[in-house]
Amino acid sequence: ILKENVFSYDKGVLSEILEPFMGQGLIPAPFEVWKERRRAVVPGFHQAWLNSMCNMFGTCTQRLVDKLDKIADTGEVINMEENWNSCSLDIIGKAIFNYDFGSVDKLSPVVNAALGALREAEH
């Protein structure tokens, strides 16, 4: 689908936000630049690496599931957007920097700042 209808999908506001910081990196790059760079990174997506990443995604996600399980029966109202973003930050931290932010387990000022910046950019 993505190969045949590549121009049917928009990269969205995130691409616009990232361009001043990343230049024409892989995410905000125009199609021709993206296509060339994509070929360069494809070998990094071998099966062993993908399996490792999937396991790490599962581990990070399980921490969020465990947290939500504890909260589920209490009736406490929580901000799910913040929790999903905390989980995403933990995944990105492990996948890219091999660093565990642990933001699912504690309030993350990084997530709150990023959410604030994205909300401002939407308007």
PDB file of N, CA and C in Angstrom:
ATOM      1  N   ILE A   1       0.832  -1.195   0.000  1.00  0.00           N
ATOM      2  CA  ILE A   1       0.000   0.000   0.000  1.00  0.00           C
ATOM      3  C   ILE A   1       0.870   1.250   0.000  1.00  0.00           C
ATOM      4  N   LEU A   2       1.858   1.310   0.913  1.00  0.00           N
ATOM      5  CA  LEU A   2       2.679   2.513   0.988  1.00  0.00           C
ATOM      6  C   LEU A   2       3.544   2.697  -0.254  1.00  0.00           C
ATOM      7  N   LYS A   3       3.966   1.608  -0.895  1.00  0.00           N
ATOM      8  CA  LYS A   3       4.782   1.722  -2.099  1.00  0.00           C
ATOM      9  C   LYS A   3       3.958   2.241  -3.266  1.00  0.00           C
ATOM     10  N   GLU A   4       2.725   1.793  -3.372  1.00  0.00           N
ATOM     11  CA  GLU A   4       1.893   2.150  -4.521  1.00  0.00           C
ATOM     12  C   GLU A   4       1.191   3.493  -4.342  1.00  0.00           C
ATOM     13  N   ASN A   5       0.903   3.874  -3.129  1.00  0.00           N
ATOM     14  CA  ASN A   5       0.148   5.109  -2.875  1.00  0.00           C
ATOM     15  C   ASN A   5       0.944   6.070  -2.002  1.00  0.00           C
ATOM     16  N   VAL A   6       2.224   6.186  -2.271  1.00  0.00           N
ATOM     17  CA  VAL A   6       3.119   6.945  -1.398  1.00  0.00           C
ATOM     18  C   VAL A   6       2.674   8.397  -1.189  1.00  0.00           C
ATOM     19  N   PHE A   7       2.053   8.997  -2.187  1.00  0.00           N
ATOM     20  CA  PHE A   7       1.672  10.404  -2.059  1.00  0.00           C
ATOM     21  C   PHE A   7       0.289  10.594  -1.439  1.00  0.00           C
ATOM     22  N   SER A   8      -0.344   9.503  -1.039  1.00  0.00           N
ATOM     23  CA  SER A   8      -1.661   9.576  -0.406  1.00  0.00           C
ATOM     24  C   SER A   8      -1.566   9.811   1.094  1.00  0.00           C
ATOM     25  N   TYR A   9      -0.342   9.795   1.644  1.00  0.00           N
ATOM     26  CA  TYR A   9      -0.171   9.910   3.090  1.00  0.00           C
ATOM     27  C   TYR A   9       0.659  11.138   3.425  1.00  0.00           C
ATOM     28  N   ASP A  10       0.208  11.869   4.420  1.00  0.00           N
ATOM     29  CA  ASP A  10       0.882  13.084   4.863  1.00  0.00           C
ATOM     30  C   ASP A  10       1.739  12.779   6.080  1.00  0.00           C
ATOM     31  N   LYS A  11       2.906  13.406   6.171  1.00  0.00           N
ATOM     32  CA  LYS A  11       3.768  13.180   7.332  1.00  0.00           C
ATOM     33  C   LYS A  11       3.279  13.939   8.558  1.00  0.00           C
ATOM     34  N   GLY A  12       2.388  14.876   8.374  1.00  0.00           N
ATOM     35  CA  GLY A  12       1.743  15.539   9.489  1.00  0.00           C
ATOM     36  C   GLY A  12       2.573  16.627  10.148  1.00  0.00           C
ATOM     37  N   VAL A  13       2.032  17.120  11.242  1.00  0.00           N
ATOM     38  CA  VAL A  13       2.610  18.251  11.956  1.00  0.00           C
ATOM     39  C   VAL A  13       3.981  17.917  12.548  1.00  0.00           C
ATOM     40  N   LEU A  14       4.194  16.653  12.909  1.00  0.00           N
ATOM     41  CA  LEU A  14       5.479  16.268  13.481  1.00  0.00           C
ATOM     42  C   LEU A  14       6.618  16.552  12.511  1.00  0.00           C
ATOM     43  N   SER A  15       6.400  16.278  11.242  1.00  0.00           N
ATOM     44  CA  SER A  15       7.415  16.539  10.227  1.00  0.00           C
ATOM     45  C   SER A  15       7.754  18.031  10.172  1.00  0.00           C
ATOM     46  N   GLU A  16       6.730  18.858  10.243  1.00  0.00           N
ATOM     47  CA  GLU A  16       6.940  20.315  10.211  1.00  0.00           C
ATOM     48  C   GLU A  16       7.693  20.792  11.447  1.00  0.00           C
ATOM     49  N   ILE A  17       7.385  20.203  12.587  1.00  0.00           N
ATOM     50  CA  ILE A  17       8.051  20.588  13.833  1.00  0.00           C
ATOM     51  C   ILE A  17       9.512  20.164  13.817  1.00  0.00           C
ATOM     52  N   LEU A  18       9.788  18.975  13.286  1.00  0.00           N
ATOM     53  CA  LEU A  18      11.150  18.433  13.306  1.00  0.00           C
ATOM     54  C   LEU A  18      12.088  19.070  12.291  1.00  0.00           C
ATOM     55  N   GLU A  19      11.547  19.586  11.201  1.00  0.00           N
ATOM     56  CA  GLU A  19      12.417  20.090  10.135  1.00  0.00           C
ATOM     57  C   GLU A  19      13.418  21.159  10.591  1.00  0.00           C
ATOM     58  N   PRO A  20      13.041  22.134  11.423  1.00  0.00           N
ATOM     59  CA  PRO A  20      14.046  23.108  11.865  1.00  0.00           C
ATOM     60  C   PRO A  20      15.195  22.480  12.670  1.00  0.00           C
ATOM     61  N   PHE A  21      14.917  21.362  13.349  1.00  0.00           N
ATOM     62  CA  PHE A  21      15.929  20.704  14.167  1.00  0.00           C
ATOM     63  C   PHE A  21      16.714  19.646  13.403  1.00  0.00           C
ATOM     64  N   MET A  22      16.024  18.928  12.526  1.00  0.00           N
ATOM     65  CA  MET A  22      16.641  17.809  11.828  1.00  0.00           C
ATOM     66  C   MET A  22      17.014  18.126  10.385  1.00  0.00           C
ATOM     67  N   GLY A  23      16.654  19.313   9.917  1.00  0.00           N
ATOM     68  CA  GLY A  23      16.879  19.601   8.511  1.00  0.00           C
ATOM     69  C   GLY A  23      16.046  18.648   7.676  1.00  0.00           C
ATOM     70  N   GLN A  24      16.628  18.161   6.608  1.00  0.00           N
ATOM     71  CA  GLN A  24      15.911  17.204   5.772  1.00  0.00           C
ATOM     72  C   GLN A  24      16.342  15.791   6.126  1.00  0.00           C
ATOM     73  N   GLY A  25      16.209  15.464   7.425  1.00  0.00           N
ATOM     74  CA  GLY A  25      16.506  14.111   7.893  1.00  0.00           C
ATOM     75  C   GLY A  25      15.506  13.129   7.318  1.00  0.00           C
ATOM     76  N   LEU A  26      15.578  11.899   7.752  1.00  0.00           N
ATOM     77  CA  LEU A  26      14.748  10.847   7.174  1.00  0.00           C
ATOM     78  C   LEU A  26      13.252  11.138   7.298  1.00  0.00           C
ATOM     79  N   ILE A  27      12.822  11.652   8.434  1.00  0.00           N
ATOM     80  CA  ILE A  27      11.386  11.881   8.624  1.00  0.00           C
ATOM     81  C   ILE A  27      10.870  13.086   7.817  1.00  0.00           C
ATOM     82  N   PRO A  28      11.476  14.271   7.957  1.00  0.00           N
ATOM     83  CA  PRO A  28      10.902  15.406   7.229  1.00  0.00           C
ATOM     84  C   PRO A  28      11.361  15.547   5.778  1.00  0.00           C
ATOM     85  N   ALA A  29      12.189  14.660   5.281  1.00  0.00           N
ATOM     86  CA  ALA A  29      12.762  14.794   3.942  1.00  0.00           C
ATOM     87  C   ALA A  29      11.698  14.705   2.850  1.00  0.00           C
ATOM     88  N   PRO A  30      11.896  15.475   1.777  1.00  0.00           N
ATOM     89  CA  PRO A  30      11.023  15.306   0.613  1.00  0.00           C
ATOM     90  C   PRO A  30      11.226  13.904   0.025  1.00  0.00           C
ATOM     91  N   PHE A  31      10.279  13.473  -0.787  1.00  0.00           N
ATOM     92  CA  PHE A  31      10.250  12.092  -1.262  1.00  0.00           C
ATOM     93  C   PHE A  31      11.567  11.625  -1.887  1.00  0.00           C
ATOM     94  N   GLU A  32      12.137  12.366  -2.792  1.00  0.00           N
ATOM     95  CA  GLU A  32      13.360  11.913  -3.481  1.00  0.00           C
ATOM     96  C   GLU A  32      14.527  11.756  -2.510  1.00  0.00           C
ATOM     97  N   VAL A  33      14.672  12.679  -1.573  1.00  0.00           N
ATOM     98  CA  VAL A  33      15.733  12.589  -0.566  1.00  0.00           C
ATOM     99  C   VAL A  33      15.457  11.401   0.350  1.00  0.00           C
ATOM    100  N   TRP A  34      14.208  11.256   0.777  1.00  0.00           N
ATOM    101  CA  TRP A  34      13.821  10.141   1.631  1.00  0.00           C
ATOM    102  C   TRP A  34      14.124   8.807   0.960  1.00  0.00           C
ATOM    103  N   LYS A  35      13.772   8.692  -0.317  1.00  0.00           N
ATOM    104  CA  LYS A  35      13.944   7.439  -1.060  1.00  0.00           C
ATOM    105  C   LYS A  35      15.408   7.010  -1.076  1.00  0.00           C
ATOM    106  N   GLU A  36      16.301   7.952  -1.307  1.00  0.00           N
ATOM    107  CA  GLU A  36      17.743   7.662  -1.335  1.00  0.00           C
ATOM    108  C   GLU A  36      18.233   7.240   0.052  1.00  0.00           C
ATOM    109  N   ARG A  37      17.834   7.965   1.084  1.00  0.00           N
ATOM    110  CA  ARG A  37      18.276   7.654   2.452  1.00  0.00           C
ATOM    111  C   ARG A  37      17.661   6.363   2.957  1.00  0.00           C
ATOM    112  N   ARG A  38      16.458   6.078   2.547  1.00  0.00           N
ATOM    113  CA  ARG A  38      15.778   4.853   2.967  1.00  0.00           C
ATOM    114  C   ARG A  38      16.562   3.632   2.496  1.00  0.00           C
ATOM    115  N   ARG A  39      17.067   3.691   1.264  1.00  0.00           N
ATOM    116  CA  ARG A  39      17.875   2.583   0.746  1.00  0.00           C
ATOM    117  C   ARG A  39      19.109   2.347   1.602  1.00  0.00           C
ATOM    118  N   ALA A  40      19.664   3.415   2.143  1.00  0.00           N
ATOM    119  CA  ALA A  40      20.877   3.296   2.955  1.00  0.00           C
ATOM    120  C   ALA A  40      20.604   2.640   4.309  1.00  0.00           C
ATOM    121  N   VAL A  41      19.413   2.798   4.862  1.00  0.00           N
ATOM    122  CA  VAL A  41      19.132   2.250   6.187  1.00  0.00           C
ATOM    123  C   VAL A  41      18.459   0.875   6.162  1.00  0.00           C
ATOM    124  N   VAL A  42      17.980   0.449   5.010  1.00  0.00           N
ATOM    125  CA  VAL A  42      17.278  -0.834   4.913  1.00  0.00           C
ATOM    126  C   VAL A  42      18.080  -2.005   5.473  1.00  0.00           C
ATOM    127  N   PRO A  43      19.388  -2.112   5.224  1.00  0.00           N
ATOM    128  CA  PRO A  43      20.114  -3.269   5.764  1.00  0.00           C
ATOM    129  C   PRO A  43      20.058  -3.382   7.294  1.00  0.00           C
ATOM    130  N   GLY A  44      19.815  -2.279   7.975  1.00  0.00           N
ATOM    131  CA  GLY A  44      19.725  -2.311   9.430  1.00  0.00           C
ATOM    132  C   GLY A  44      18.469  -2.990   9.954  1.00  0.00           C
ATOM    133  N   PHE A  45      17.557  -3.331   9.072  1.00  0.00           N
ATOM    134  CA  PHE A  45      16.299  -3.936   9.489  1.00  0.00           C
ATOM    135  C   PHE A  45      16.302  -5.450   9.279  1.00  0.00           C
ATOM    136  N   HIS A  46      17.375  -6.097   9.698  1.00  0.00           N
ATOM    137  CA  HIS A  46      17.427  -7.549   9.573  1.00  0.00           C
ATOM    138  C   HIS A  46      16.617  -8.202  10.698  1.00  0.00           C
ATOM    139  N   GLN A  47      16.298  -9.469  10.551  1.00  0.00           N
ATOM    140  CA  GLN A  47      15.374 -10.167  11.447  1.00  0.00           C
ATOM    141  C   GLN A  47      15.816 -10.160  12.915  1.00  0.00           C
ATOM    142  N   ALA A  48      17.097 -10.403  13.183  1.00  0.00           N
ATOM    143  CA  ALA A  48      17.563 -10.448  14.580  1.00  0.00           C
ATOM    144  C   ALA A  48      17.372  -9.091  15.254  1.00  0.00           C
ATOM    145  N   TRP A  49      17.667  -8.024  14.531  1.00  0.00           N
ATOM    146  CA  TRP A  49      17.511  -6.684  15.093  1.00  0.00           C
ATOM    147  C   TRP A  49      16.034  -6.386  15.328  1.00  0.00           C
ATOM    148  N   LEU A  50      15.199  -6.736  14.362  1.00  0.00           N
ATOM    149  CA  LEU A  50      13.761  -6.506  14.530  1.00  0.00           C
ATOM    150  C   LEU A  50      13.204  -7.297  15.708  1.00  0.00           C
ATOM    151  N   ASN A  51      13.653  -8.547  15.874  1.00  0.00           N
ATOM    152  CA  ASN A  51      13.207  -9.348  17.029  1.00  0.00           C
ATOM    153  C   ASN A  51      13.607  -8.688  18.334  1.00  0.00           C
ATOM    154  N   SER A  52      14.826  -8.195  18.394  1.00  0.00           N
ATOM    155  CA  SER A  52      15.307  -7.516  19.596  1.00  0.00           C
ATOM    156  C   SER A  52      14.462  -6.280  19.902  1.00  0.00           C
ATOM    157  N   MET A  53      14.174  -5.501  18.872  1.00  0.00           N
ATOM    158  CA  MET A  53      13.364  -4.299  19.063  1.00  0.00           C
ATOM    159  C   MET A  53      11.950  -4.653  19.507  1.00  0.00           C
ATOM    160  N   CYS A  54      11.357  -5.671  18.906  1.00  0.00           N
ATOM    161  CA  CYS A  54       9.998  -6.074  19.292  1.00  0.00           C
ATOM    162  C   CYS A  54       9.955  -6.523  20.753  1.00  0.00           C
ATOM    163  N   ASN A  55      10.962  -7.245  21.190  1.00  0.00           N
ATOM    164  CA  ASN A  55      11.030  -7.649  22.595  1.00  0.00           C
ATOM    165  C   ASN A  55      11.132  -6.433  23.510  1.00  0.00           C
ATOM    166  N   MET A  56      11.954  -5.473  23.132  1.00  0.00           N
ATOM    167  CA  MET A  56      12.104  -4.257  23.931  1.00  0.00           C
ATOM    168  C   MET A  56      10.796  -3.461  23.955  1.00  0.00           C
ATOM    169  N   PHE A  57      10.101  -3.365  22.807  1.00  0.00           N
ATOM    170  CA  PHE A  57       8.802  -2.683  22.773  1.00  0.00           C
ATOM    171  C   PHE A  57       7.836  -3.357  23.747  1.00  0.00           C
ATOM    172  N   GLY A  58       7.834  -4.692  23.732  1.00  0.00           N
ATOM    173  CA  GLY A  58       6.954  -5.441  24.622  1.00  0.00           C
ATOM    174  C   GLY A  58       7.270  -5.206  26.084  1.00  0.00           C
ATOM    175  N   THR A  59       8.554  -5.169  26.418  1.00  0.00           N
ATOM    176  CA  THR A  59       8.965  -4.931  27.805  1.00  0.00           C
ATOM    177  C   THR A  59       8.517  -3.551  28.275  1.00  0.00           C
ATOM    178  N   CYS A  60       8.749  -2.549  27.450  1.00  0.00           N
ATOM    179  CA  CYS A  60       8.339  -1.180  27.821  1.00  0.00           C
ATOM    180  C   CYS A  60       6.821  -1.072  27.924  1.00  0.00           C
ATOM    181  N   THR A  61       6.122  -1.681  27.002  1.00  0.00           N
ATOM    182  CA  THR A  61       4.666  -1.626  27.009  1.00  0.00           C
ATOM    183  C   THR A  61       4.093  -2.374  28.210  1.00  0.00           C
ATOM    184  N   GLN A  62       4.724  -3.477  28.590  1.00  0.00           N
ATOM    185  CA  GLN A  62       4.242  -4.253  29.742  1.00  0.00           C
ATOM    186  C   GLN A  62       4.307  -3.416  31.017  1.00  0.00           C
ATOM    187  N   ARG A  63       5.316  -2.548  31.119  1.00  0.00           N
ATOM    188  CA  ARG A  63       5.389  -1.673  32.307  1.00  0.00           C
ATOM    189  C   ARG A  63       4.164  -0.765  32.373  1.00  0.00           C
ATOM    190  N   LEU A  64       3.729  -0.258  31.212  1.00  0.00           N
ATOM    191  CA  LEU A  64       2.530   0.579  31.194  1.00  0.00           C
ATOM    192  C   LEU A  64       1.297  -0.251  31.532  1.00  0.00           C
ATOM    193  N   VAL A  65       1.193  -1.445  30.975  1.00  0.00           N
ATOM    194  CA  VAL A  65       0.055  -2.322  31.266  1.00  0.00           C
ATOM    195  C   VAL A  65      -0.009  -2.629  32.759  1.00  0.00           C
ATOM    196  N   ASP A  66       1.136  -2.940  33.358  1.00  0.00           N
ATOM    197  CA  ASP A  66       1.172  -3.223  34.804  1.00  0.00           C
ATOM    198  C   ASP A  66       0.701  -2.019  35.614  1.00  0.00           C
ATOM    199  N   LYS A  67       1.145  -0.837  35.205  1.00  0.00           N
ATOM    200  CA  LYS A  67       0.729   0.388  35.907  1.00  0.00           C
ATOM    201  C   LYS A  67      -0.780   0.587  35.781  1.00  0.00           C
ATOM    202  N   LEU A  68      -1.311   0.395  34.570  1.00  0.00           N
ATOM    203  CA  LEU A  68      -2.747   0.582  34.348  1.00  0.00           C
ATOM    204  C   LEU A  68      -3.561  -0.465  35.089  1.00  0.00           C
ATOM    205  N   ASP A  69      -3.058  -1.689  35.164  1.00  0.00           N
ATOM    206  CA  ASP A  69      -3.749  -2.743  35.927  1.00  0.00           C
ATOM    207  C   ASP A  69      -3.903  -2.346  37.390  1.00  0.00           C
ATOM    208  N   LYS A  70      -2.860  -1.756  37.964  1.00  0.00           N
ATOM    209  CA  LYS A  70      -2.918  -1.345  39.373  1.00  0.00           C
ATOM    210  C   LYS A  70      -3.939  -0.226  39.584  1.00  0.00           C
ATOM    211  N   ILE A  71      -4.053   0.648  38.602  1.00  0.00           N
ATOM    212  CA  ILE A  71      -4.938   1.812  38.720  1.00  0.00           C
ATOM    213  C   ILE A  71      -6.386   1.460  38.388  1.00  0.00           C
ATOM    214  N   ALA A  72      -6.591   0.444  37.540  1.00  0.00           N
ATOM    215  CA  ALA A  72      -7.911   0.138  36.977  1.00  0.00           C
ATOM    216  C   ALA A  72      -9.013  -0.001  38.022  1.00  0.00           C
ATOM    217  N   ASP A  73      -8.729  -0.659  39.112  1.00  0.00           N
ATOM    218  CA  ASP A  73      -9.781  -0.911  40.110  1.00  0.00           C
ATOM    219  C   ASP A  73      -9.939   0.200  41.135  1.00  0.00           C
ATOM    220  N   THR A  74      -9.100   1.226  41.061  1.00  0.00           N
ATOM    221  CA  THR A  74      -9.161   2.285  42.069  1.00  0.00           C
ATOM    222  C   THR A  74     -10.157   3.382  41.722  1.00  0.00           C
ATOM    223  N   GLY A  75     -10.527   3.482  40.439  1.00  0.00           N
ATOM    224  CA  GLY A  75     -11.412   4.565  40.023  1.00  0.00           C
ATOM    225  C   GLY A  75     -10.680   5.868  39.775  1.00  0.00           C
ATOM    226  N   GLU A  76      -9.358   5.859  39.934  1.00  0.00           N
ATOM    227  CA  GLU A  76      -8.555   7.063  39.701  1.00  0.00           C
ATOM    228  C   GLU A  76      -8.614   7.449  38.225  1.00  0.00           C
ATOM    229  N   VAL A  77      -8.779   8.743  37.976  1.00  0.00           N
ATOM    230  CA  VAL A  77      -8.761   9.261  36.610  1.00  0.00           C
ATOM    231  C   VAL A  77      -7.324   9.627  36.272  1.00  0.00           C
ATOM    232  N   ILE A  78      -6.845   9.129  35.132  1.00  0.00           N
ATOM    233  CA  ILE A  78      -5.472   9.421  34.726  1.00  0.00           C
ATOM    234  C   ILE A  78      -5.454   9.983  33.309  1.00  0.00           C
ATOM    235  N   ASN A  79      -4.384  10.645  32.981  1.00  0.00           N
ATOM    236  CA  ASN A  79      -4.191  11.225  31.649  1.00  0.00           C
ATOM    237  C   ASN A  79      -3.546  10.159  30.757  1.00  0.00           C
ATOM    238  N   MET A  80      -4.351   9.561  29.895  1.00  0.00           N
ATOM    239  CA  MET A  80      -3.836   8.485  29.040  1.00  0.00           C
ATOM    240  C   MET A  80      -2.847   9.003  28.005  1.00  0.00           C
ATOM    241  N   GLU A  81      -3.064  10.194  27.502  1.00  0.00           N
ATOM    242  CA  GLU A  81      -2.110  10.747  26.531  1.00  0.00           C
ATOM    243  C   GLU A  81      -0.722  10.836  27.161  1.00  0.00           C
ATOM    244  N   GLU A  82      -0.665  11.315  28.375  1.00  0.00           N
ATOM    245  CA  GLU A  82       0.620  11.407  29.079  1.00  0.00           C
ATOM    246  C   GLU A  82       1.242  10.017  29.264  1.00  0.00           C
ATOM    247  N   ASN A  83       0.423   9.048  29.608  1.00  0.00           N
ATOM    248  CA  ASN A  83       0.930   7.690  29.807  1.00  0.00           C
ATOM    249  C   ASN A  83       1.429   7.069  28.509  1.00  0.00           C
ATOM    250  N   TRP A  84       0.689   7.242  27.422  1.00  0.00           N
ATOM    251  CA  TRP A  84       1.150   6.707  26.132  1.00  0.00           C
ATOM    252  C   TRP A  84       2.441   7.384  25.699  1.00  0.00           C
ATOM    253  N   ASN A  85       2.518   8.678  25.920  1.00  0.00           N
ATOM    254  CA  ASN A  85       3.739   9.390  25.554  1.00  0.00           C
ATOM    255  C   ASN A  85       4.915   8.987  26.442  1.00  0.00           C
ATOM    256  N   SER A  86       4.646   8.720  27.700  1.00  0.00           N
ATOM    257  CA  SER A  86       5.709   8.234  28.583  1.00  0.00           C
ATOM    258  C   SER A  86       6.231   6.887  28.096  1.00  0.00           C
ATOM    259  N   CYS A  87       5.332   6.015  27.707  1.00  0.00           N
ATOM    260  CA  CYS A  87       5.730   4.714  27.174  1.00  0.00           C
ATOM    261  C   CYS A  87       6.540   4.899  25.883  1.00  0.00           C
ATOM    262  N   SER A  88       6.095   5.798  25.035  1.00  0.00           N
ATOM    263  CA  SER A  88       6.826   6.080  23.787  1.00  0.00           C
ATOM    264  C   SER A  88       8.220   6.613  24.079  1.00  0.00           C
ATOM    265  N   LEU A  89       8.328   7.499  25.048  1.00  0.00           N
ATOM    266  CA  LEU A  89       9.639   8.040  25.416  1.00  0.00           C
ATOM    267  C   LEU A  89      10.560   6.931  25.912  1.00  0.00           C
ATOM    268  N   ASP A  90      10.022   6.023  26.719  1.00  0.00           N
ATOM    269  CA  ASP A  90      10.833   4.910  27.201  1.00  0.00           C
ATOM    270  C   ASP A  90      11.309   4.034  26.050  1.00  0.00           C
ATOM    271  N   ILE A  91      10.433   3.780  25.085  1.00  0.00           N
ATOM    272  CA  ILE A  91      10.804   2.979  23.913  1.00  0.00           C
ATOM    273  C   ILE A  91      11.873   3.690  23.091  1.00  0.00           C
ATOM    274  N   ILE A  92      11.677   4.965  22.821  1.00  0.00           N
ATOM    275  CA  ILE A  92      12.659   5.733  22.048  1.00  0.00           C
ATOM    276  C   ILE A  92      13.993   5.776  22.778  1.00  0.00           C
ATOM    277  N   GLY A  93      13.956   6.004  24.090  1.00  0.00           N
ATOM    278  CA  GLY A  93      15.187   6.058  24.874  1.00  0.00           C
ATOM    279  C   GLY A  93      15.982   4.777  24.776  1.00  0.00           C
ATOM    280  N   LYS A  94      15.287   3.627  24.908  1.00  0.00           N
ATOM    281  CA  LYS A  94      15.985   2.333  24.825  1.00  0.00           C
ATOM    282  C   LYS A  94      16.437   2.037  23.396  1.00  0.00           C
ATOM    283  N   ALA A  95      15.581   2.304  22.424  1.00  0.00           N
ATOM    284  CA  ALA A  95      15.884   1.946  21.035  1.00  0.00           C
ATOM    285  C   ALA A  95      17.007   2.791  20.442  1.00  0.00           C
ATOM    286  N   ILE A  96      17.031   4.055  20.772  1.00  0.00           N
ATOM    287  CA  ILE A  96      17.989   4.956  20.127  1.00  0.00           C
ATOM    288  C   ILE A  96      19.209   5.230  20.997  1.00  0.00           C
ATOM    289  N   PHE A  97      18.992   5.415  22.299  1.00  0.00           N
ATOM    290  CA  PHE A  97      20.088   5.831  23.181  1.00  0.00           C
ATOM    291  C   PHE A  97      20.535   4.747  24.165  1.00  0.00           C
ATOM    292  N   ASN A  98      19.847   3.588  24.155  1.00  0.00           N
ATOM    293  CA  ASN A  98      20.076   2.533  25.145  1.00  0.00           C
ATOM    294  C   ASN A  98      20.016   3.108  26.563  1.00  0.00           C
ATOM    295  N   TYR A  99      19.030   3.984  26.762  1.00  0.00           N
ATOM    296  CA  TYR A  99      18.837   4.641  28.048  1.00  0.00           C
ATOM    297  C   TYR A  99      17.386   4.448  28.479  1.00  0.00           C
ATOM    298  N   ASP A 100      17.196   4.045  29.717  1.00  0.00           N
ATOM    299  CA  ASP A 100      15.850   3.846  30.242  1.00  0.00           C
ATOM    300  C   ASP A 100      15.417   5.093  31.002  1.00  0.00           C
ATOM    301  N   PHE A 101      14.534   5.884  30.390  1.00  0.00           N
ATOM    302  CA  PHE A 101      14.021   7.083  31.053  1.00  0.00           C
ATOM    303  C   PHE A 101      13.157   6.714  32.257  1.00  0.00           C
ATOM    304  N   GLY A 102      12.519   5.542  32.217  1.00  0.00           N
ATOM    305  CA  GLY A 102      11.644   5.134  33.317  1.00  0.00           C
ATOM    306  C   GLY A 102      10.460   6.065  33.496  1.00  0.00           C
ATOM    307  N   SER A 103      10.042   6.711  32.422  1.00  0.00           N
ATOM    308  CA  SER A 103       8.999   7.725  32.552  1.00  0.00           C
ATOM    309  C   SER A 103       7.609   7.144  32.767  1.00  0.00           C
ATOM    310  N   VAL A 104       7.410   5.855  32.497  1.00  0.00           N
ATOM    311  CA  VAL A 104       6.121   5.232  32.812  1.00  0.00           C
ATOM    312  C   VAL A 104       5.944   5.156  34.319  1.00  0.00           C
ATOM    313  N   ASP A 105       7.044   4.962  35.025  1.00  0.00           N
ATOM    314  CA  ASP A 105       6.995   4.776  36.473  1.00  0.00           C
ATOM    315  C   ASP A 105       7.019   6.068  37.272  1.00  0.00           C
ATOM    316  N   LYS A 106       7.417   7.151  36.645  1.00  0.00           N
ATOM    317  CA  LYS A 106       7.446   8.438  37.355  1.00  0.00           C
ATOM    318  C   LYS A 106       7.078   9.553  36.386  1.00  0.00           C
ATOM    319  N   LEU A 107       6.531  10.633  36.909  1.00  0.00           N
ATOM    320  CA  LEU A 107       6.133  11.769  36.089  1.00  0.00           C
ATOM    321  C   LEU A 107       7.343  12.322  35.360  1.00  0.00           C
ATOM    322  N   SER A 108       7.229  12.461  34.063  1.00  0.00           N
ATOM    323  CA  SER A 108       8.347  12.904  33.252  1.00  0.00           C
ATOM    324  C   SER A 108       8.168  14.354  32.797  1.00  0.00           C
ATOM    325  N   PRO A 109       9.041  15.253  33.251  1.00  0.00           N
ATOM    326  CA  PRO A 109       8.955  16.627  32.768  1.00  0.00           C
ATOM    327  C   PRO A 109       9.256  16.727  31.276  1.00  0.00           C
ATOM    328  N   VAL A 110      10.015  15.774  30.741  1.00  0.00           N
ATOM    329  CA  VAL A 110      10.324  15.762  29.306  1.00  0.00           C
ATOM    330  C   VAL A 110       9.042  15.524  28.504  1.00  0.00           C
ATOM    331  N   VAL A 111       8.240  14.554  28.952  1.00  0.00           N
ATOM    332  CA  VAL A 111       6.985  14.262  28.258  1.00  0.00           C
ATOM    333  C   VAL A 111       6.047  15.461  28.350  1.00  0.00           C
ATOM    334  N   ASN A 112       5.928  16.045  29.522  1.00  0.00           N
ATOM    335  CA  ASN A 112       5.046  17.207  29.685  1.00  0.00           C
ATOM    336  C   ASN A 112       5.485  18.369  28.808  1.00  0.00           C
ATOM    337  N   ALA A 113       6.785  18.617  28.722  1.00  0.00           N
ATOM    338  CA  ALA A 113       7.292  19.707  27.875  1.00  0.00           C
ATOM    339  C   ALA A 113       7.029  19.411  26.404  1.00  0.00           C
ATOM    340  N   ALA A 114       7.255  18.154  25.975  1.00  0.00           N
ATOM    341  CA  ALA A 114       7.020  17.776  24.582  1.00  0.00           C
ATOM    342  C   ALA A 114       5.545  17.898  24.228  1.00  0.00           C
ATOM    343  N   LEU A 115       4.669  17.449  25.120  1.00  0.00           N
ATOM    344  CA  LEU A 115       3.237  17.580  24.883  1.00  0.00           C
ATOM    345  C   LEU A 115       2.817  19.042  24.754  1.00  0.00           C
ATOM    346  N   GLY A 116       3.353  19.860  25.632  1.00  0.00           N
ATOM    347  CA  GLY A 116       3.056  21.293  25.572  1.00  0.00           C
ATOM    348  C   GLY A 116       3.475  21.906  24.256  1.00  0.00           C
ATOM    349  N   ALA A 117       4.679  21.539  23.792  1.00  0.00           N
ATOM    350  CA  ALA A 117       5.182  22.064  22.516  1.00  0.00           C
ATOM    351  C   ALA A 117       4.315  21.592  21.342  1.00  0.00           C
ATOM    352  N   LEU A 118       3.904  20.320  21.365  1.00  0.00           N
ATOM    353  CA  LEU A 118       3.053  19.805  20.292  1.00  0.00           C
ATOM    354  C   LEU A 118       1.678  20.455  20.300  1.00  0.00           C
ATOM    355  N   ARG A 119       1.124  20.691  21.512  1.00  0.00           N
ATOM    356  CA  ARG A 119      -0.184  21.347  21.589  1.00  0.00           C
ATOM    357  C   ARG A 119      -0.097  22.768  21.044  1.00  0.00           C
ATOM    358  N   GLU A 120       0.973  23.476  21.370  1.00  0.00           N
ATOM    359  CA  GLU A 120       1.137  24.846  20.855  1.00  0.00           C
ATOM    360  C   GLU A 120       1.284  24.840  19.344  1.00  0.00           C
ATOM    361  N   ALA A 121       1.981  23.848  18.810  1.00  0.00           N
ATOM    362  CA  ALA A 121       2.205  23.775  17.360  1.00  0.00           C
ATOM    363  C   ALA A 121       0.918  23.460  16.600  1.00  0.00           C
ATOM    364  N   GLU A 122      -0.044  22.799  17.256  1.00  0.00           N
ATOM    365  CA  GLU A 122      -1.299  22.457  16.603  1.00  0.00           C
ATOM    366  C   GLU A 122      -2.147  23.689  16.324  1.00  0.00           C
ATOM    367  N   HIS A 123      -1.922  24.742  17.058  1.00  0.00           N
ATOM    368  CA  HIS A 123      -2.788  25.942  16.926  1.00  0.00           C
ATOM    369  C   HIS A 123      -2.099  27.069  16.246  1.00  0.00           C
TER     370      HIS A 123
END
